[in-house]
Amino acid sequence: MDRYAVLSERVTHQNIDGEVIAIHFDTGIYYSLPGSAAIIWDYLVEGATAEEITDSFTGQPSDAVDTIMTFLDQLVSEGLVEARREGSPRPEPSRRVPWAPPSLEKFTDMSDLIMADPIHDVDEMGWPNLAAPPGEPKT
């Protein structure tokens, strides 16, 4: 079974009061992973499998592994995590939490700002005035 890992060279993340905020540097898109999605993310940081993640929840329905796999596929398609075959088994979950389906919220409203290089991508007025891309007139 595949283990999953956060693509830490492209993604930064922080768990704040049970919600993970993840920012993808290549796209400038940021994500909110609340509730059970944050718990799943924490297990992904440790290199867990879908089954190990599922085992961390109590009262999960029979399709919980499928739900988690769908969520993991979504994280992979967004370029936040990747499946890896290597890795050793994780220890048993230290805590078990009630089941809730995970969700991923995607925000693109700040992608230009996140992707901007404040040292190099500015016009002669300086930050926060972004330079026009090559071939485009200044605004």
C-alpha atoms as a PDB file:
ATOM      1  CA  MET A   1       0.000   0.000   0.000  1.00  0.00           C
ATOM      2  CA  ASP A   2       1.271   3.453  -0.892  1.00  0.00           C
ATOM      3  CA  ARG A   3       2.439   5.883   1.744  1.00  0.00           C
ATOM      4  CA  TYR A   4       1.833   9.556   1.094  1.00  0.00           C
ATOM      5  CA  ALA A   5       4.160  12.480   1.641  1.00  0.00           C
ATOM      6  CA  VAL A   6       3.711  16.239   1.539  1.00  0.00           C
ATOM      7  CA  LEU A   7       5.731  17.829  -1.274  1.00  0.00           C
ATOM      8  CA  SER A   8       7.583  20.066   1.171  1.00  0.00           C
ATOM      9  CA  GLU A   9       9.870  21.525  -1.493  1.00  0.00           C
ATOM     10  CA  ARG A  10       6.803  23.080  -3.155  1.00  0.00           C
ATOM     11  CA  VAL A  11       4.295  23.334  -0.315  1.00  0.00           C
ATOM     12  CA  THR A  12       4.387  25.033   3.050  1.00  0.00           C
ATOM     13  CA  HIS A  13       1.772  24.315   5.684  1.00  0.00           C
ATOM     14  CA  GLN A  14       0.752  25.226   9.193  1.00  0.00           C
ATOM     15  CA  ASN A  15      -1.834  23.717  11.540  1.00  0.00           C
ATOM     16  CA  ILE A  16      -3.646  26.547  13.306  1.00  0.00           C
ATOM     17  CA  ASP A  17      -6.262  25.509  15.864  1.00  0.00           C
ATOM     18  CA  GLY A  18      -7.236  22.344  13.994  1.00  0.00           C
ATOM     19  CA  GLU A  19      -7.180  23.832  10.485  1.00  0.00           C
ATOM     20  CA  VAL A  20      -4.258  23.338   8.127  1.00  0.00           C
ATOM     21  CA  ILE A  21      -3.395  26.167   5.788  1.00  0.00           C
ATOM     22  CA  ALA A  22      -1.243  24.954   2.883  1.00  0.00           C
ATOM     23  CA  ILE A  23       0.334  27.167   0.225  1.00  0.00           C
ATOM     24  CA  HIS A  24       1.609  25.798  -3.079  1.00  0.00           C
ATOM     25  CA  PHE A  25       4.578  27.942  -4.141  1.00  0.00           C
ATOM     26  CA  ASP A  26       4.436  26.993  -7.845  1.00  0.00           C
ATOM     27  CA  THR A  27       0.798  28.041  -8.308  1.00  0.00           C
ATOM     28  CA  GLY A  28       0.289  30.611  -5.555  1.00  0.00           C
ATOM     29  CA  ILE A  29      -2.891  28.797  -4.557  1.00  0.00           C
ATOM     30  CA  TYR A  30      -3.595  28.328  -0.883  1.00  0.00           C
ATOM     31  CA  TYR A  31      -5.803  25.733   0.721  1.00  0.00           C
ATOM     32  CA  SER A  32      -7.777  25.308   3.903  1.00  0.00           C
ATOM     33  CA  LEU A  33      -8.059  21.819   5.370  1.00  0.00           C
ATOM     34  CA  PRO A  34     -10.440  22.001   8.328  1.00  0.00           C
ATOM     35  CA  GLY A  35     -11.461  19.325  10.823  1.00  0.00           C
ATOM     36  CA  SER A  36     -10.806  15.771   9.698  1.00  0.00           C
ATOM     37  CA  ALA A  37      -8.844  17.026   6.677  1.00  0.00           C
ATOM     38  CA  ALA A  38      -6.344  18.610   9.083  1.00  0.00           C
ATOM     39  CA  ILE A  39      -6.039  15.329  10.983  1.00  0.00           C
ATOM     40  CA  ILE A  40      -5.444  13.478   7.702  1.00  0.00           C
ATOM     41  CA  TRP A  41      -2.828  16.067   6.687  1.00  0.00           C
ATOM     42  CA  ASP A  42      -0.968  15.557   9.969  1.00  0.00           C
ATOM     43  CA  TYR A  43      -0.819  11.820   9.233  1.00  0.00           C
ATOM     44  CA  LEU A  44       0.411  12.552   5.700  1.00  0.00           C
ATOM     45  CA  VAL A  45       3.271  14.592   7.144  1.00  0.00           C
ATOM     46  CA  GLU A  46       4.252  11.374   8.963  1.00  0.00           C
ATOM     47  CA  GLY A  47       4.013   9.300   5.756  1.00  0.00           C
ATOM     48  CA  ALA A  48       0.838   7.349   6.537  1.00  0.00           C
ATOM     49  CA  THR A  49      -1.175   5.016   4.293  1.00  0.00           C
ATOM     50  CA  ALA A  50      -4.915   5.411   3.661  1.00  0.00           C
ATOM     51  CA  GLU A  51      -5.587   2.434   5.959  1.00  0.00           C
ATOM     52  CA  GLU A  52      -3.481   3.914   8.774  1.00  0.00           C
ATOM     53  CA  ILE A  53      -5.352   7.186   8.421  1.00  0.00           C
ATOM     54  CA  THR A  54      -8.710   5.410   8.460  1.00  0.00           C
ATOM     55  CA  ASP A  55      -7.710   3.551  11.618  1.00  0.00           C
ATOM     56  CA  SER A  56      -7.257   6.867  13.403  1.00  0.00           C
ATOM     57  CA  PHE A  57     -11.009   7.540  13.234  1.00  0.00           C
ATOM     58  CA  THR A  58     -13.781   5.981  15.268  1.00  0.00           C
ATOM     59  CA  GLY A  59     -17.263   5.294  13.946  1.00  0.00           C
ATOM     60  CA  GLN A  60     -16.262   5.523  10.317  1.00  0.00           C
ATOM     61  CA  PRO A  61     -18.661   4.153   7.696  1.00  0.00           C
ATOM     62  CA  SER A  62     -17.775   1.166   5.539  1.00  0.00           C
ATOM     63  CA  ASP A  63     -16.738   3.460   2.678  1.00  0.00           C
ATOM     64  CA  ALA A  64     -14.342   5.553   4.802  1.00  0.00           C
ATOM     65  CA  VAL A  65     -11.240   4.196   3.042  1.00  0.00           C
ATOM     66  CA  ASP A  66     -12.788   5.113  -0.325  1.00  0.00           C
ATOM     67  CA  THR A  67     -13.615   8.602   0.969  1.00  0.00           C
ATOM     68  CA  ILE A  68     -10.060   9.051   2.224  1.00  0.00           C
ATOM     69  CA  MET A  69      -8.615   7.715  -1.047  1.00  0.00           C
ATOM     70  CA  THR A  70     -10.740  10.209  -2.996  1.00  0.00           C
ATOM     71  CA  PHE A  71      -9.457  12.986  -0.742  1.00  0.00           C
ATOM     72  CA  LEU A  72      -5.851  11.795  -1.170  1.00  0.00           C
ATOM     73  CA  ASP A  73      -6.334  11.711  -4.959  1.00  0.00           C
ATOM     74  CA  GLN A  74      -7.543  15.306  -4.762  1.00  0.00           C
ATOM     75  CA  LEU A  75      -4.444  16.324  -2.784  1.00  0.00           C
ATOM     76  CA  VAL A  76      -2.220  14.527  -5.328  1.00  0.00           C
ATOM     77  CA  SER A  77      -3.968  16.197  -8.284  1.00  0.00           C
ATOM     78  CA  GLU A  78      -3.479  19.612  -6.646  1.00  0.00           C
ATOM     79  CA  GLY A  79       0.247  18.850  -6.355  1.00  0.00           C
ATOM     80  CA  LEU A  80       0.255  18.986  -2.551  1.00  0.00           C
ATOM     81  CA  VAL A  81       1.233  15.381  -1.807  1.00  0.00           C
ATOM     82  CA  GLU A  82       2.560  12.367  -3.665  1.00  0.00           C
ATOM     83  CA  ALA A  83       2.250   8.614  -3.274  1.00  0.00           C
ATOM     84  CA  ARG A  84       5.447   6.799  -2.369  1.00  0.00           C
ATOM     85  CA  ARG A  85       5.889   3.082  -2.079  1.00  0.00           C
ATOM     86  CA  GLU A  86       8.770   3.197   0.369  1.00  0.00           C
ATOM     87  CA  GLY A  87       8.544   3.828   4.085  1.00  0.00           C
ATOM     88  CA  SER A  88       8.113   1.875   7.253  1.00  0.00           C
ATOM     89  CA  PRO A  89       4.823   1.293   9.061  1.00  0.00           C
ATOM     90  CA  ARG A  90       3.630   4.058  11.315  1.00  0.00           C
ATOM     91  CA  PRO A  91       3.041   3.326  14.975  1.00  0.00           C
ATOM     92  CA  GLU A  92      -0.541   2.817  16.103  1.00  0.00           C
ATOM     93  CA  PRO A  93      -2.519   6.070  16.264  1.00  0.00           C
ATOM     94  CA  SER A  94      -1.973   7.786  19.596  1.00  0.00           C
ATOM     95  CA  ARG A  95      -5.469   9.217  19.475  1.00  0.00           C
ATOM     96  CA  ARG A  96      -8.634   8.272  17.759  1.00  0.00           C
ATOM     97  CA  VAL A  97     -11.137  10.903  16.722  1.00  0.00           C
ATOM     98  CA  PRO A  98     -14.738  10.669  15.522  1.00  0.00           C
ATOM     99  CA  TRP A  99     -15.179  10.255  11.767  1.00  0.00           C
ATOM    100  CA  ALA A 100     -16.134  13.180   9.563  1.00  0.00           C
ATOM    101  CA  PRO A 101     -15.583  13.311   5.790  1.00  0.00           C
ATOM    102  CA  PRO A 102     -12.614  15.544   4.884  1.00  0.00           C
ATOM    103  CA  SER A 103     -12.883  18.651   2.762  1.00  0.00           C
ATOM    104  CA  LEU A 104     -10.405  20.770   0.841  1.00  0.00           C
ATOM    105  CA  GLU A 105     -11.096  24.442   0.219  1.00  0.00           C
ATOM    106  CA  LYS A 106      -9.112  26.056  -2.597  1.00  0.00           C
ATOM    107  CA  PHE A 107      -8.405  29.794  -2.849  1.00  0.00           C
ATOM    108  CA  THR A 108      -6.877  31.502  -5.885  1.00  0.00           C
ATOM    109  CA  ASP A 109      -7.538  35.133  -4.957  1.00  0.00           C
ATOM    110  CA  MET A 110      -3.983  35.790  -3.740  1.00  0.00           C
ATOM    111  CA  SER A 111      -2.030  33.634  -6.198  1.00  0.00           C
ATOM    112  CA  ASP A 112      -0.450  36.607  -8.020  1.00  0.00           C
ATOM    113  CA  LEU A 113       0.733  38.065  -4.727  1.00  0.00           C
ATOM    114  CA  ILE A 114       1.996  34.742  -3.365  1.00  0.00           C
ATOM    115  CA  MET A 115       3.908  33.995  -6.553  1.00  0.00           C
ATOM    116  CA  ALA A 116       5.426  37.482  -6.762  1.00  0.00           C
ATOM    117  CA  ASP A 117       9.083  37.863  -5.987  1.00  0.00           C
ATOM    118  CA  PRO A 118       9.101  41.116  -3.980  1.00  0.00           C
ATOM    119  CA  ILE A 119      12.785  41.697  -4.622  1.00  0.00           C
ATOM    120  CA  HIS A 120      12.843  41.166  -8.398  1.00  0.00           C
ATOM    121  CA  ASP A 121       9.301  41.416  -9.753  1.00  0.00           C
ATOM    122  CA  VAL A 122       8.595  45.078  -9.008  1.00  0.00           C
ATOM    123  CA  ASP A 123       8.569  48.172 -11.139  1.00  0.00           C
ATOM    124  CA  GLU A 124      10.637  51.296 -10.461  1.00  0.00           C
ATOM    125  CA  MET A 125       8.122  52.379  -7.779  1.00  0.00           C
ATOM    126  CA  GLY A 126       9.042  49.306  -5.688  1.00  0.00           C
ATOM    127  CA  TRP A 127       6.904  46.964  -3.646  1.00  0.00           C
ATOM    128  CA  PRO A 128       3.944  46.363  -3.911  1.00  0.00           C
ATOM    129  CA  ASN A 129       3.886  47.572  -7.522  1.00  0.00           C
ATOM    130  CA  LEU A 130       4.491  44.505  -9.671  1.00  0.00           C
ATOM    131  CA  ALA A 131       6.387  44.939 -12.907  1.00  0.00           C
ATOM    132  CA  ALA A 132       4.523  44.226 -16.131  1.00  0.00           C
ATOM    133  CA  PRO A 133       5.331  40.834 -17.646  1.00  0.00           C
ATOM    134  CA  PRO A 134       7.702  40.999 -20.650  1.00  0.00           C
ATOM    135  CA  GLY A 135       5.917  42.247 -23.763  1.00  0.00           C
ATOM    136  CA  GLU A 136       3.022  43.829 -21.844  1.00  0.00           C
ATOM    137  CA  PRO A 137       2.673  47.591 -21.409  1.00  0.00           C
ATOM    138  CA  LYS A 138       2.978  49.123 -17.947  1.00  0.00           C
ATOM    139  CA  THR A 139      -0.307  50.022 -16.336  1.00  0.00           C
END
